[in-house]
Amino acid sequence: MANRRRGEVPLALGSERYTLCLTLGALAELEDALGAGDLAGLAERFATGRLATRDVIALLGAALRGGGHALDDAAVARLPLATGLPAVAEALEEALVAAFGEAPPPDPRGEALPQDP
């Protein structure tokens, strides 16, 4: 069972239930896999909302492994999407918010507003 206080997010894929969690190890894995360089680069990449399928596989795989599931990216790519991609995207967004916090709202000129400390 997912513990949301620890940043864990539940996800059902097919008949299986999984826990997603972006641990420090998962974030380091993503920096390497996506060539982000650092946490700021990783956060900027996800803040755009534009992800390739391979990005989703890397993110889902890292979050699954962070949640305690021993699945490599090839196994992640074979997981059924019985609940649809929107359910996966929602769970990944929740995991990203748990790791990075809420994104600041865009200002009327289309630029991100700074967050309050």
PDB file of N, CA and C in Angstrom:
ATOM      1  N   MET A   1       0.838  -1.174   0.000  1.00  0.00           N
ATOM      2  CA  MET A   1       0.000   0.000   0.000  1.00  0.00           C
ATOM      3  C   MET A   1       0.890   1.247   0.000  1.00  0.00           C
ATOM      4  N   ALA A   2       0.546   2.205  -0.850  1.00  0.00           N
ATOM      5  CA  ALA A   2       1.339   3.416  -0.990  1.00  0.00           C
ATOM      6  C   ALA A   2       1.170   4.334   0.216  1.00  0.00           C
ATOM      7  N   ASN A   3       2.288   4.869   0.684  1.00  0.00           N
ATOM      8  CA  ASN A   3       2.292   5.827   1.792  1.00  0.00           C
ATOM      9  C   ASN A   3       2.559   7.209   1.193  1.00  0.00           C
ATOM     10  N   ARG A   4       1.528   8.005   1.027  1.00  0.00           N
ATOM     11  CA  ARG A   4       1.650   9.307   0.371  1.00  0.00           C
ATOM     12  C   ARG A   4       2.551  10.263   1.153  1.00  0.00           C
ATOM     13  N   ARG A   5       2.673  10.090   2.448  1.00  0.00           N
ATOM     14  CA  ARG A   5       3.570  10.952   3.239  1.00  0.00           C
ATOM     15  C   ARG A   5       5.028  10.743   2.865  1.00  0.00           C
ATOM     16  N   ARG A   6       5.343   9.564   2.347  1.00  0.00           N
ATOM     17  CA  ARG A   6       6.710   9.280   1.898  1.00  0.00           C
ATOM     18  C   ARG A   6       6.863   9.537   0.406  1.00  0.00           C
ATOM     19  N   GLY A   7       5.854  10.113  -0.236  1.00  0.00           N
ATOM     20  CA  GLY A   7       5.928  10.399  -1.663  1.00  0.00           C
ATOM     21  C   GLY A   7       5.557   9.224  -2.539  1.00  0.00           C
ATOM     22  N   GLU A   8       4.953   8.205  -1.961  1.00  0.00           N
ATOM     23  CA  GLU A   8       4.560   7.029  -2.733  1.00  0.00           C
ATOM     24  C   GLU A   8       3.196   7.259  -3.374  1.00  0.00           C
ATOM     25  N   VAL A   9       3.062   6.773  -4.607  1.00  0.00           N
ATOM     26  CA  VAL A   9       1.842   6.954  -5.382  1.00  0.00           C
ATOM     27  C   VAL A   9       1.390   5.585  -5.895  1.00  0.00           C
ATOM     28  N   PRO A  10       0.118   5.220  -5.684  1.00  0.00           N
ATOM     29  CA  PRO A  10      -0.366   3.934  -6.189  1.00  0.00           C
ATOM     30  C   PRO A  10      -0.677   4.010  -7.687  1.00  0.00           C
ATOM     31  N   LEU A  11      -0.479   2.906  -8.376  1.00  0.00           N
ATOM     32  CA  LEU A  11      -0.816   2.813  -9.799  1.00  0.00           C
ATOM     33  C   LEU A  11      -1.216   1.382 -10.112  1.00  0.00           C
ATOM     34  N   ALA A  12      -2.368   1.200 -10.753  1.00  0.00           N
ATOM     35  CA  ALA A  12      -2.813  -0.113 -11.211  1.00  0.00           C
ATOM     36  C   ALA A  12      -2.542  -0.210 -12.708  1.00  0.00           C
ATOM     37  N   LEU A  13      -1.848  -1.265 -13.104  1.00  0.00           N
ATOM     38  CA  LEU A  13      -1.592  -1.559 -14.514  1.00  0.00           C
ATOM     39  C   LEU A  13      -2.022  -2.997 -14.762  1.00  0.00           C
ATOM     40  N   GLY A  14      -3.041  -3.168 -15.567  1.00  0.00           N
ATOM     41  CA  GLY A  14      -3.597  -4.503 -15.750  1.00  0.00           C
ATOM     42  C   GLY A  14      -4.183  -4.966 -14.435  1.00  0.00           C
ATOM     43  N   SER A  15      -3.881  -6.174 -14.049  1.00  0.00           N
ATOM     44  CA  SER A  15      -4.399  -6.707 -12.784  1.00  0.00           C
ATOM     45  C   SER A  15      -3.441  -6.486 -11.617  1.00  0.00           C
ATOM     46  N   GLU A  16      -2.316  -5.836 -11.872  1.00  0.00           N
ATOM     47  CA  GLU A  16      -1.304  -5.616 -10.837  1.00  0.00           C
ATOM     48  C   GLU A  16      -1.396  -4.202 -10.260  1.00  0.00           C
ATOM     49  N   ARG A  17      -1.072  -4.095  -8.979  1.00  0.00           N
ATOM     50  CA  ARG A  17      -0.998  -2.789  -8.305  1.00  0.00           C
ATOM     51  C   ARG A  17       0.466  -2.518  -7.995  1.00  0.00           C
ATOM     52  N   TYR A  18       0.893  -1.315  -8.283  1.00  0.00           N
ATOM     53  CA  TYR A  18       2.281  -0.912  -8.093  1.00  0.00           C
ATOM     54  C   TYR A  18       2.345   0.330  -7.213  1.00  0.00           C
ATOM     55  N   THR A  19       3.542   0.582  -6.686  1.00  0.00           N
ATOM     56  CA  THR A  19       3.812   1.805  -5.947  1.00  0.00           C
ATOM     57  C   THR A  19       4.918   2.545  -6.673  1.00  0.00           C
ATOM     58  N   LEU A  20       4.679   3.826  -6.959  1.00  0.00           N
ATOM     59  CA  LEU A  20       5.679   4.682  -7.578  1.00  0.00           C
ATOM     60  C   LEU A  20       6.292   5.561  -6.498  1.00  0.00           C
ATOM     61  N   CYS A  21       7.600   5.789  -6.572  1.00  0.00           N
ATOM     62  CA  CYS A  21       8.256   6.693  -5.631  1.00  0.00           C
ATOM     63  C   CYS A  21       9.546   7.202  -6.268  1.00  0.00           C
ATOM     64  N   LEU A  22       9.679   8.514  -6.343  1.00  0.00           N
ATOM     65  CA  LEU A  22      10.899   9.103  -6.886  1.00  0.00           C
ATOM     66  C   LEU A  22      11.869   9.367  -5.737  1.00  0.00           C
ATOM     67  N   THR A  23      12.653   8.351  -5.428  1.00  0.00           N
ATOM     68  CA  THR A  23      13.681   8.437  -4.404  1.00  0.00           C
ATOM     69  C   THR A  23      14.880   9.203  -4.970  1.00  0.00           C
ATOM     70  N   LEU A  24      15.858   9.508  -4.121  1.00  0.00           N
ATOM     71  CA  LEU A  24      17.081  10.139  -4.618  1.00  0.00           C
ATOM     72  C   LEU A  24      17.768   9.256  -5.657  1.00  0.00           C
ATOM     73  N   GLY A  25      17.761   7.954  -5.411  1.00  0.00           N
ATOM     74  CA  GLY A  25      18.349   7.028  -6.377  1.00  0.00           C
ATOM     75  C   GLY A  25      17.611   7.048  -7.705  1.00  0.00           C
ATOM     76  N   ALA A  26      16.283   7.118  -7.650  1.00  0.00           N
ATOM     77  CA  ALA A  26      15.477   7.181  -8.871  1.00  0.00           C
ATOM     78  C   ALA A  26      15.756   8.480  -9.625  1.00  0.00           C
ATOM     79  N   LEU A  27      15.894   9.585  -8.900  1.00  0.00           N
ATOM     80  CA  LEU A  27      16.179  10.867  -9.544  1.00  0.00           C
ATOM     81  C   LEU A  27      17.574  10.866 -10.176  1.00  0.00           C
ATOM     82  N   ALA A  28      18.547  10.269  -9.499  1.00  0.00           N
ATOM     83  CA  ALA A  28      19.901  10.161 -10.059  1.00  0.00           C
ATOM     84  C   ALA A  28      19.881   9.303 -11.321  1.00  0.00           C
ATOM     85  N   GLU A  29      19.109   8.232 -11.286  1.00  0.00           N
ATOM     86  CA  GLU A  29      18.966   7.361 -12.457  1.00  0.00           C
ATOM     87  C   GLU A  29      18.369   8.148 -13.627  1.00  0.00           C
ATOM     88  N   LEU A  30      17.373   8.971 -13.354  1.00  0.00           N
ATOM     89  CA  LEU A  30      16.731   9.772 -14.400  1.00  0.00           C
ATOM     90  C   LEU A  30      17.682  10.826 -14.960  1.00  0.00           C
ATOM     91  N   GLU A  31      18.458  11.480 -14.090  1.00  0.00           N
ATOM     92  CA  GLU A  31      19.440  12.454 -14.578  1.00  0.00           C
ATOM     93  C   GLU A  31      20.346  11.808 -15.611  1.00  0.00           C
ATOM     94  N   ASP A  32      20.823  10.602 -15.302  1.00  0.00           N
ATOM     95  CA  ASP A  32      21.720   9.882 -16.195  1.00  0.00           C
ATOM     96  C   ASP A  32      21.002   9.441 -17.468  1.00  0.00           C
ATOM     97  N   ALA A  33      19.838   8.812 -17.324  1.00  0.00           N
ATOM     98  CA  ALA A  33      19.109   8.266 -18.472  1.00  0.00           C
ATOM     99  C   ALA A  33      18.656   9.353 -19.445  1.00  0.00           C
ATOM    100  N   LEU A  34      18.290  10.511 -18.915  1.00  0.00           N
ATOM    101  CA  LEU A  34      17.748  11.575 -19.757  1.00  0.00           C
ATOM    102  C   LEU A  34      18.771  12.666 -20.071  1.00  0.00           C
ATOM    103  N   GLY A  35      19.995  12.506 -19.579  1.00  0.00           N
ATOM    104  CA  GLY A  35      21.039  13.481 -19.854  1.00  0.00           C
ATOM    105  C   GLY A  35      20.717  14.862 -19.295  1.00  0.00           C
ATOM    106  N   ALA A  36      20.063  14.900 -18.135  1.00  0.00           N
ATOM    107  CA  ALA A  36      19.619  16.165 -17.555  1.00  0.00           C
ATOM    108  C   ALA A  36      20.749  16.924 -16.869  1.00  0.00           C
ATOM    109  N   GLY A  37      21.784  16.249 -16.428  1.00  0.00           N
ATOM    110  CA  GLY A  37      22.914  16.921 -15.803  1.00  0.00           C
ATOM    111  C   GLY A  37      22.766  17.151 -14.313  1.00  0.00           C
ATOM    112  N   ASP A  38      21.617  17.678 -13.882  1.00  0.00           N
ATOM    113  CA  ASP A  38      21.398  17.934 -12.460  1.00  0.00           C
ATOM    114  C   ASP A  38      19.895  17.984 -12.186  1.00  0.00           C
ATOM    115  N   LEU A  39      19.549  18.178 -10.909  1.00  0.00           N
ATOM    116  CA  LEU A  39      18.131  18.199 -10.527  1.00  0.00           C
ATOM    117  C   LEU A  39      17.373  19.346 -11.187  1.00  0.00           C
ATOM    118  N   ALA A  40      18.009  20.505 -11.298  1.00  0.00           N
ATOM    119  CA  ALA A  40      17.342  21.640 -11.936  1.00  0.00           C
ATOM    120  C   ALA A  40      17.018  21.325 -13.396  1.00  0.00           C
ATOM    121  N   GLY A  41      17.963  20.705 -14.090  1.00  0.00           N
ATOM    122  CA  GLY A  41      17.741  20.312 -15.477  1.00  0.00           C
ATOM    123  C   GLY A  41      16.627  19.288 -15.603  1.00  0.00           C
ATOM    124  N   LEU A  42      16.580  18.375 -14.657  1.00  0.00           N
ATOM    125  CA  LEU A  42      15.528  17.356 -14.642  1.00  0.00           C
ATOM    126  C   LEU A  42      14.162  18.006 -14.408  1.00  0.00           C
ATOM    127  N   ALA A  43      14.098  18.907 -13.428  1.00  0.00           N
ATOM    128  CA  ALA A  43      12.836  19.598 -13.140  1.00  0.00           C
ATOM    129  C   ALA A  43      12.382  20.423 -14.339  1.00  0.00           C
ATOM    130  N   GLU A  44      13.305  21.114 -15.000  1.00  0.00           N
ATOM    131  CA  GLU A  44      12.956  21.911 -16.184  1.00  0.00           C
ATOM    132  C   GLU A  44      12.413  21.031 -17.296  1.00  0.00           C
ATOM    133  N   ARG A  45      13.030  19.881 -17.481  1.00  0.00           N
ATOM    134  CA  ARG A  45      12.584  18.964 -18.542  1.00  0.00           C
ATOM    135  C   ARG A  45      11.154  18.510 -18.302  1.00  0.00           C
ATOM    136  N   PHE A  46      10.827  18.168 -17.060  1.00  0.00           N
ATOM    137  CA  PHE A  46       9.478  17.685 -16.765  1.00  0.00           C
ATOM    138  C   PHE A  46       8.468  18.824 -16.707  1.00  0.00           C
ATOM    139  N   ALA A  47       8.922  20.025 -16.397  1.00  0.00           N
ATOM    140  CA  ALA A  47       8.010  21.167 -16.289  1.00  0.00           C
ATOM    141  C   ALA A  47       7.404  21.549 -17.636  1.00  0.00           C
ATOM    142  N   THR A  48       8.056  21.184 -18.727  1.00  0.00           N
ATOM    143  CA  THR A  48       7.525  21.532 -20.045  1.00  0.00           C
ATOM    144  C   THR A  48       6.254  20.756 -20.355  1.00  0.00           C
ATOM    145  N   GLY A  49       6.089  19.582 -19.741  1.00  0.00           N
ATOM    146  CA  GLY A  49       4.921  18.759 -20.026  1.00  0.00           C
ATOM    147  C   GLY A  49       5.028  18.005 -21.340  1.00  0.00           C
ATOM    148  N   ARG A  50       6.136  18.170 -22.043  1.00  0.00           N
ATOM    149  CA  ARG A  50       6.335  17.488 -23.326  1.00  0.00           C
ATOM    150  C   ARG A  50       7.345  16.363 -23.125  1.00  0.00           C
ATOM    151  N   LEU A  51       6.843  15.135 -23.153  1.00  0.00           N
ATOM    152  CA  LEU A  51       7.707  13.976 -22.942  1.00  0.00           C
ATOM    153  C   LEU A  51       7.562  13.000 -24.098  1.00  0.00           C
ATOM    154  N   ALA A  52       8.683  12.457 -24.523  1.00  0.00           N
ATOM    155  CA  ALA A  52       8.667  11.380 -25.507  1.00  0.00           C
ATOM    156  C   ALA A  52       8.292  10.085 -24.793  1.00  0.00           C
ATOM    157  N   THR A  53       7.871   9.108 -25.550  1.00  0.00           N
ATOM    158  CA  THR A  53       7.519   7.820 -24.962  1.00  0.00           C
ATOM    159  C   THR A  53       8.692   7.234 -24.195  1.00  0.00           C
ATOM    160  N   ARG A  54       9.900   7.367 -24.720  1.00  0.00           N
ATOM    161  CA  ARG A  54      11.079   6.834 -24.013  1.00  0.00           C
ATOM    162  C   ARG A  54      11.292   7.562 -22.681  1.00  0.00           C
ATOM    163  N   ASP A  55      10.916   8.864 -22.611  1.00  0.00           N
ATOM    164  CA  ASP A  55      10.988   9.598 -21.351  1.00  0.00           C
ATOM    165  C   ASP A  55      10.004   9.010 -20.338  1.00  0.00           C
ATOM    166  N   VAL A  56       8.799   8.689 -20.808  1.00  0.00           N
ATOM    167  CA  VAL A  56       7.775   8.104 -19.934  1.00  0.00           C
ATOM    168  C   VAL A  56       8.243   6.752 -19.419  1.00  0.00           C
ATOM    169  N   ILE A  57       8.847   5.944 -20.288  1.00  0.00           N
ATOM    170  CA  ILE A  57       9.357   4.635 -19.863  1.00  0.00           C
ATOM    171  C   ILE A  57      10.450   4.811 -18.816  1.00  0.00           C
ATOM    172  N   ALA A  58      11.379   5.742 -19.050  1.00  0.00           N
ATOM    173  CA  ALA A  58      12.460   5.984 -18.085  1.00  0.00           C
ATOM    174  C   ALA A  58      11.903   6.489 -16.760  1.00  0.00           C
ATOM    175  N   LEU A  59      10.961   7.431 -16.811  1.00  0.00           N
ATOM    176  CA  LEU A  59      10.364   7.987 -15.598  1.00  0.00           C
ATOM    177  C   LEU A  59       9.560   6.936 -14.851  1.00  0.00           C
ATOM    178  N   LEU A  60       8.709   6.203 -15.567  1.00  0.00           N
ATOM    179  CA  LEU A  60       7.912   5.161 -14.936  1.00  0.00           C
ATOM    180  C   LEU A  60       8.811   4.072 -14.355  1.00  0.00           C
ATOM    181  N   GLY A  61       9.832   3.676 -15.090  1.00  0.00           N
ATOM    182  CA  GLY A  61      10.749   2.654 -14.595  1.00  0.00           C
ATOM    183  C   GLY A  61      11.473   3.083 -13.335  1.00  0.00           C
ATOM    184  N   ALA A  62      11.995   4.312 -13.337  1.00  0.00           N
ATOM    185  CA  ALA A  62      12.695   4.812 -12.149  1.00  0.00           C
ATOM    186  C   ALA A  62      11.748   4.909 -10.959  1.00  0.00           C
ATOM    187  N   ALA A  63      10.510   5.383 -11.201  1.00  0.00           N
ATOM    188  CA  ALA A  63       9.530   5.505 -10.115  1.00  0.00           C
ATOM    189  C   ALA A  63       9.093   4.143  -9.594  1.00  0.00           C
ATOM    190  N   LEU A  64       8.969   3.165 -10.476  1.00  0.00           N
ATOM    191  CA  LEU A  64       8.631   1.806 -10.040  1.00  0.00           C
ATOM    192  C   LEU A  64       9.766   1.208  -9.216  1.00  0.00           C
ATOM    193  N   ARG A  65      10.993   1.364  -9.694  1.00  0.00           N
ATOM    194  CA  ARG A  65      12.133   0.838  -8.936  1.00  0.00           C
ATOM    195  C   ARG A  65      12.269   1.555  -7.599  1.00  0.00           C
ATOM    196  N   GLY A  66      12.026   2.871  -7.576  1.00  0.00           N
ATOM    197  CA  GLY A  66      12.039   3.619  -6.326  1.00  0.00           C
ATOM    198  C   GLY A  66      10.952   3.147  -5.369  1.00  0.00           C
ATOM    199  N   GLY A  67       9.860   2.628  -5.938  1.00  0.00           N
ATOM    200  CA  GLY A  67       8.760   2.088  -5.137  1.00  0.00           C
ATOM    201  C   GLY A  67       8.960   0.637  -4.740  1.00  0.00           C
ATOM    202  N   GLY A  68      10.110   0.041  -5.108  1.00  0.00           N
ATOM    203  CA  GLY A  68      10.432  -1.309  -4.670  1.00  0.00           C
ATOM    204  C   GLY A  68      10.180  -2.413  -5.672  1.00  0.00           C
ATOM    205  N   HIS A  69       9.901  -2.080  -6.937  1.00  0.00           N
ATOM    206  CA  HIS A  69       9.629  -3.094  -7.947  1.00  0.00           C
ATOM    207  C   HIS A  69      10.869  -3.302  -8.816  1.00  0.00           C
ATOM    208  N   ALA A  70      11.313  -4.539  -8.939  1.00  0.00           N
ATOM    209  CA  ALA A  70      12.522  -4.864  -9.690  1.00  0.00           C
ATOM    210  C   ALA A  70      12.181  -5.097 -11.160  1.00  0.00           C
ATOM    211  N   LEU A  71      11.920  -4.003 -11.872  1.00  0.00           N
ATOM    212  CA  LEU A  71      11.597  -4.081 -13.298  1.00  0.00           C
ATOM    213  C   LEU A  71      12.598  -3.241 -14.075  1.00  0.00           C
ATOM    214  N   ASP A  72      13.209  -3.834 -15.118  1.00  0.00           N
ATOM    215  CA  ASP A  72      14.070  -3.009 -15.961  1.00  0.00           C
ATOM    216  C   ASP A  72      13.192  -2.283 -16.984  1.00  0.00           C
ATOM    217  N   ASP A  73      13.779  -1.374 -17.754  1.00  0.00           N
ATOM    218  CA  ASP A  73      12.981  -0.575 -18.679  1.00  0.00           C
ATOM    219  C   ASP A  73      12.316  -1.418 -19.763  1.00  0.00           C
ATOM    220  N   ALA A  74      12.934  -2.533 -20.160  1.00  0.00           N
ATOM    221  CA  ALA A  74      12.298  -3.416 -21.150  1.00  0.00           C
ATOM    222  C   ALA A  74      11.010  -4.007 -20.576  1.00  0.00           C
ATOM    223  N   ALA A  75      11.027  -4.399 -19.309  1.00  0.00           N
ATOM    224  CA  ALA A  75       9.820  -4.926 -18.665  1.00  0.00           C
ATOM    225  C   ALA A  75       8.781  -3.826 -18.483  1.00  0.00           C
ATOM    226  N   VAL A  76       9.233  -2.622 -18.169  1.00  0.00           N
ATOM    227  CA  VAL A  76       8.309  -1.490 -18.018  1.00  0.00           C
ATOM    228  C   VAL A  76       7.610  -1.218 -19.345  1.00  0.00           C
ATOM    229  N   ALA A  77       8.352  -1.273 -20.440  1.00  0.00           N
ATOM    230  CA  ALA A  77       7.778  -1.015 -21.764  1.00  0.00           C
ATOM    231  C   ALA A  77       6.707  -2.044 -22.138  1.00  0.00           C
ATOM    232  N   ARG A  78       6.761  -3.214 -21.542  1.00  0.00           N
ATOM    233  CA  ARG A  78       5.774  -4.268 -21.837  1.00  0.00           C
ATOM    234  C   ARG A  78       4.564  -4.238 -20.913  1.00  0.00           C
ATOM    235  N   LEU A  79       4.543  -3.359 -19.913  1.00  0.00           N
ATOM    236  CA  LEU A  79       3.411  -3.311 -18.987  1.00  0.00           C
ATOM    237  C   LEU A  79       2.138  -2.919 -19.734  1.00  0.00           C
ATOM    238  N   PRO A  80       1.011  -3.548 -19.381  1.00  0.00           N
ATOM    239  CA  PRO A  80      -0.249  -3.215 -20.055  1.00  0.00           C
ATOM    240  C   PRO A  80      -0.773  -1.851 -19.628  1.00  0.00           C
ATOM    241  N   LEU A  81      -1.381  -1.159 -20.545  1.00  0.00           N
ATOM    242  CA  LEU A  81      -1.976   0.139 -20.242  1.00  0.00           C
ATOM    243  C   LEU A  81      -3.499   0.012 -20.214  1.00  0.00           C
ATOM    244  N   ALA A  82      -3.978  -0.984 -19.477  1.00  0.00           N
ATOM    245  CA  ALA A  82      -5.416  -1.253 -19.407  1.00  0.00           C
ATOM    246  C   ALA A  82      -6.191  -0.060 -18.885  1.00  0.00           C
ATOM    247  N   THR A  83      -5.591   0.720 -17.989  1.00  0.00           N
ATOM    248  CA  THR A  83      -6.279   1.892 -17.443  1.00  0.00           C
ATOM    249  C   THR A  83      -6.049   3.113 -18.318  1.00  0.00           C
ATOM    250  N   GLY A  84      -5.222   2.984 -19.337  1.00  0.00           N
ATOM    251  CA  GLY A  84      -4.962   4.075 -20.266  1.00  0.00           C
ATOM    252  C   GLY A  84      -3.781   4.929 -19.857  1.00  0.00           C
ATOM    253  N   LEU A  85      -3.210   5.577 -20.829  1.00  0.00           N
ATOM    254  CA  LEU A  85      -2.063   6.438 -20.589  1.00  0.00           C
ATOM    255  C   LEU A  85      -2.386   7.618 -19.670  1.00  0.00           C
ATOM    256  N   PRO A  86      -3.604   8.179 -19.705  1.00  0.00           N
ATOM    257  CA  PRO A  86      -3.893   9.278 -18.771  1.00  0.00           C
ATOM    258  C   PRO A  86      -3.730   8.884 -17.300  1.00  0.00           C
ATOM    259  N   ALA A  87      -4.085   7.663 -16.929  1.00  0.00           N
ATOM    260  CA  ALA A  87      -3.907   7.224 -15.536  1.00  0.00           C
ATOM    261  C   ALA A  87      -2.429   7.139 -15.176  1.00  0.00           C
ATOM    262  N   VAL A  88      -1.614   6.673 -16.111  1.00  0.00           N
ATOM    263  CA  VAL A  88      -0.169   6.600 -15.886  1.00  0.00           C
ATOM    264  C   VAL A  88       0.397   8.012 -15.762  1.00  0.00           C
ATOM    265  N   ALA A  89      -0.011   8.901 -16.667  1.00  0.00           N
ATOM    266  CA  ALA A  89       0.478  10.281 -16.629  1.00  0.00           C
ATOM    267  C   ALA A  89       0.082  10.974 -15.331  1.00  0.00           C
ATOM    268  N   GLU A  90      -1.125  10.736 -14.852  1.00  0.00           N
ATOM    269  CA  GLU A  90      -1.584  11.342 -13.596  1.00  0.00           C
ATOM    270  C   GLU A  90      -0.754  10.847 -12.411  1.00  0.00           C
ATOM    271  N   ALA A  91      -0.481   9.539 -12.376  1.00  0.00           N
ATOM    272  CA  ALA A  91       0.321   8.983 -11.284  1.00  0.00           C
ATOM    273  C   ALA A  91       1.756   9.517 -11.341  1.00  0.00           C
ATOM    274  N   LEU A  92       2.320   9.620 -12.543  1.00  0.00           N
ATOM    275  CA  LEU A  92       3.672  10.159 -12.673  1.00  0.00           C
ATOM    276  C   LEU A  92       3.717  11.628 -12.283  1.00  0.00           C
ATOM    277  N   GLU A  93       2.698  12.388 -12.649  1.00  0.00           N
ATOM    278  CA  GLU A  93       2.641  13.791 -12.246  1.00  0.00           C
ATOM    279  C   GLU A  93       2.597  13.913 -10.724  1.00  0.00           C
ATOM    280  N   GLU A  94       1.806  13.054 -10.090  1.00  0.00           N
ATOM    281  CA  GLU A  94       1.712  13.073  -8.627  1.00  0.00           C
ATOM    282  C   GLU A  94       3.068  12.740  -7.996  1.00  0.00           C
ATOM    283  N   ALA A  95       3.784  11.777  -8.580  1.00  0.00           N
ATOM    284  CA  ALA A  95       5.109  11.421  -8.066  1.00  0.00           C
ATOM    285  C   ALA A  95       6.092  12.574  -8.255  1.00  0.00           C
ATOM    286  N   LEU A  96       6.016  13.267  -9.390  1.00  0.00           N
ATOM    287  CA  LEU A  96       6.891  14.415  -9.638  1.00  0.00           C
ATOM    288  C   LEU A  96       6.587  15.559  -8.675  1.00  0.00           C
ATOM    289  N   VAL A  97       5.319  15.801  -8.413  1.00  0.00           N
ATOM    290  CA  VAL A  97       4.942  16.853  -7.462  1.00  0.00           C
ATOM    291  C   VAL A  97       5.446  16.495  -6.068  1.00  0.00           C
ATOM    292  N   ALA A  98       5.362  15.213  -5.707  1.00  0.00           N
ATOM    293  CA  ALA A  98       5.871  14.786  -4.398  1.00  0.00           C
ATOM    294  C   ALA A  98       7.374  15.025  -4.298  1.00  0.00           C
ATOM    295  N   ALA A  99       8.096  14.845  -5.406  1.00  0.00           N
ATOM    296  CA  ALA A  99       9.548  15.009  -5.394  1.00  0.00           C
ATOM    297  C   ALA A  99       9.982  16.469  -5.528  1.00  0.00           C
ATOM    298  N   PHE A 100       9.298  17.240  -6.387  1.00  0.00           N
ATOM    299  CA  PHE A 100       9.747  18.595  -6.704  1.00  0.00           C
ATOM    300  C   PHE A 100       8.839  19.697  -6.174  1.00  0.00           C
ATOM    301  N   GLY A 101       7.645  19.372  -5.728  1.00  0.00           N
ATOM    302  CA  GLY A 101       6.680  20.391  -5.319  1.00  0.00           C
ATOM    303  C   GLY A 101       5.872  20.865  -6.512  1.00  0.00           C
ATOM    304  N   GLU A 102       4.878  21.693  -6.220  1.00  0.00           N
ATOM    305  CA  GLU A 102       4.017  22.234  -7.273  1.00  0.00           C
ATOM    306  C   GLU A 102       4.799  23.205  -8.146  1.00  0.00           C
ATOM    307  N   ALA A 103       4.506  23.193  -9.444  1.00  0.00           N
ATOM    308  CA  ALA A 103       5.094  24.171 -10.355  1.00  0.00           C
ATOM    309  C   ALA A 103       4.385  25.503 -10.157  1.00  0.00           C
ATOM    310  N   PRO A 104       5.131  26.594 -10.245  1.00  0.00           N
ATOM    311  CA  PRO A 104       4.474  27.895 -10.111  1.00  0.00           C
ATOM    312  C   PRO A 104       3.542  28.121 -11.302  1.00  0.00           C
ATOM    313  N   PRO A 105       2.458  28.858 -11.116  1.00  0.00           N
ATOM    314  CA  PRO A 105       1.549  29.112 -12.237  1.00  0.00           C
ATOM    315  C   PRO A 105       2.203  30.031 -13.257  1.00  0.00           C
ATOM    316  N   PRO A 106       1.861  29.881 -14.544  1.00  0.00           N
ATOM    317  CA  PRO A 106       2.428  30.787 -15.539  1.00  0.00           C
ATOM    318  C   PRO A 106       1.838  32.181 -15.381  1.00  0.00           C
ATOM    319  N   ASP A 107       2.642  33.208 -15.707  1.00  0.00           N
ATOM    320  CA  ASP A 107       2.083  34.559 -15.658  1.00  0.00           C
ATOM    321  C   ASP A 107       1.372  34.830 -16.977  1.00  0.00           C
ATOM    322  N   PRO A 108       0.622  35.896 -17.065  1.00  0.00           N
ATOM    323  CA  PRO A 108      -0.158  36.176 -18.276  1.00  0.00           C
ATOM    324  C   PRO A 108       0.682  36.325 -19.540  1.00  0.00           C
ATOM    325  N   ARG A 109       1.981  36.622 -19.387  1.00  0.00           N
ATOM    326  CA  ARG A 109       2.863  36.757 -20.553  1.00  0.00           C
ATOM    327  C   ARG A 109       3.419  35.419 -21.002  1.00  0.00           C
ATOM    328  N   GLY A 110       3.042  34.330 -20.309  1.00  0.00           N
ATOM    329  CA  GLY A 110       3.514  33.003 -20.672  1.00  0.00           C
ATOM    330  C   GLY A 110       4.795  32.585 -20.011  1.00  0.00           C
ATOM    331  N   GLU A 111       5.275  33.373 -19.026  1.00  0.00           N
ATOM    332  CA  GLU A 111       6.498  33.018 -18.312  1.00  0.00           C
ATOM    333  C   GLU A 111       6.137  32.497 -16.933  1.00  0.00           C
ATOM    334  N   ALA A 112       6.929  31.592 -16.410  1.00  0.00           N
ATOM    335  CA  ALA A 112       6.665  31.033 -15.084  1.00  0.00           C
ATOM    336  C   ALA A 112       6.941  32.095 -14.030  1.00  0.00           C
ATOM    337  N   LEU A 113       6.064  32.176 -13.063  1.00  0.00           N
ATOM    338  CA  LEU A 113       6.263  33.094 -11.942  1.00  0.00           C
ATOM    339  C   LEU A 113       7.160  32.432 -10.896  1.00  0.00           C
ATOM    340  N   PRO A 114       8.005  33.193 -10.207  1.00  0.00           N
ATOM    341  CA  PRO A 114       8.857  32.584  -9.174  1.00  0.00           C
ATOM    342  C   PRO A 114       7.998  32.095  -8.012  1.00  0.00           C
ATOM    343  N   GLN A 115       8.444  31.023  -7.380  1.00  0.00           N
ATOM    344  CA  GLN A 115       7.747  30.483  -6.208  1.00  0.00           C
ATOM    345  C   GLN A 115       8.141  31.260  -4.976  1.00  0.00           C
ATOM    346  N   ASP A 116       7.210  31.351  -4.027  1.00  0.00           N
ATOM    347  CA  ASP A 116       7.519  31.957  -2.742  1.00  0.00           C
ATOM    348  C   ASP A 116       8.405  31.013  -1.941  1.00  0.00           C
ATOM    349  N   PRO A 117       9.377  31.539  -1.185  1.00  0.00           N
ATOM    350  CA  PRO A 117      10.265  30.654  -0.396  1.00  0.00           C
ATOM    351  C   PRO A 117       9.514  29.976   0.717  1.00  0.00           C
TER     352      PRO A 117
END
